[in-house]
Amino acid sequence: MSWLDGRERGAFLCLAYGLLGISSTAAALADAPSTGAPWPLLRWLAGPLPVWLAETAGPGWAATGGLTTAWPEGGGPASFAAWWPAVALAAAVWVAPIGWLHPRRDTRRALAVGHFLVLIVLAAALTAASPAFIVFASIGYPLASALLPARLTMAGVTLTAIVIVTAQAGPGARGTLLTVIAGVALPLVAAGWYVSAEHDKRRRLVERLRAAMAENASLNARLLDQARRAGMLDERHRVAGEIHDTVAQDLVALIGQLNAADRTSRAETRRRHLDQAADLARRSLSEARRSVRALRPEPLETSKLPDAITDLAESWSRSAGVDLILEITGTPVALAAPIEDTLFRVAQEALANVAKHARASRTGLTLSYTDESVLLDIRDDGAGFAPQKPADGFGLDGMRQRVRAVGGTLHFESTPGQGTAVAAAVPMLPAEDDHP
């Protein structure tokens, strides 16, 4: 129970007992003439109470100086004095659980509704005995919202109004009054039920929305973390691929040139190998810097893809000492940068593998432009390998990842002792400058 609930239940208890005390005192003062009490003193203490009771109960009460005309034959003030204090005492006992029911109105709804109805019945009985208890009956207004569910609040208010208004009507007018009240009260109860139902729907919807927003916030945080991790992993793969395709390949070739220079005894040949090693070292440094800055391969910065492939094939053939037949078919078209970068890197990696592993005597490279795709084929007559066996290096997987990243396909055909064929197919995506 919160501090606010504690203050509210205390306020409802004080209000109920206060109204019951006021009503009981007023009823006792009004009953003074029939009980032999000193009427002038009580009239002075009561102040305007007799006038109010006369106006409320009707002319019959005022004419007889009491409540005799409001009772059927055989009743009267004596019978009134005999039973209303007992009902008032029962009402005082019945009011006590309000402080306990108020904070439990949502978990014990049936008990709260039953308690409210019995309290209204007691208030109606007391009001029928004396109009002074109309004051106590008005406790039904605040308790309707304090104890009843939202959909029954309007019904509780209407029931309280019926009790109070009926007590103030004469016996002959009560039938007509009840008919009028029913005509007004029933639509009010129905409207209150509908409004409360819509309010409950909106409240539940707001709660679900808040829960969904909290879940979405948590999911968004997880997605951001996963995206950050994926971005870091992609960047690592990119740098690894760039280093493998450029620096690693050039370092392998550089080591080969240094070994060749060390084996020869001719100064001219040694100088040629050393010059080639120096060129490879400078190119490796340049490519390493470009990889770190995520730039395109240097040959594609100044040349079209067919020219860059041609320069790559000639340079590779001289360095590896293997004959290479280059063929370019179709009509060359300037492609999107990622497409050209991928084809160039695949050709570079495939030729590097031929130089390192194939021990081939002849190699062929074909670049074909078609209407829907660009094809790159590299073939050699070297030692071959078994494609179904897992590879230890990064080269084959790196080529597959590059080609898949641009929506292409990559196939290997190789048999030990019978050479290898690498076939890459990528979509024909023209450069943006070529779009109409």
Foldseek 3Di string as FASTA:
>chain_A
DDPVLLVVLVVLLVLLVVLLVQLVLLLVLQLCVVVVHPNVVSCVVNPCSVVVQPQQQDVVQVVVSHCAVLDDPPDGSVNLVVPLVVLSVVLNVLSVCSSVQQVCLPVPVVVLVVSLVVNLVSLLVNLSSGVSSLSSLVSQLVSLVRRHQQLCSLVSVLSSVLSNVLSRDDPVCNVVVVVVSCVVSVVSSVVSNVVSVVVVVVVVVVVVVVVVVVVVVVVVVVVVVVVVVVVVVVLVLQLVLLCVLQLVLLVVLLVVLCVVLVPDPDPVSNVVSVVSSVVSVVRNVVSNVCSVVVHARPVVVVDALVVSLVVLVVVLCVSLVAAEAEEEEDDDAAAARLVSRLLSSLSSLVSSCCSPPFPFRYKYWYWYDDPWKIKIKIWTQGQWDDVVDDDPDCRVVSSQVSLVVQPKGWDKDTDGRGIIMIMIIGTGHGYPVPDD
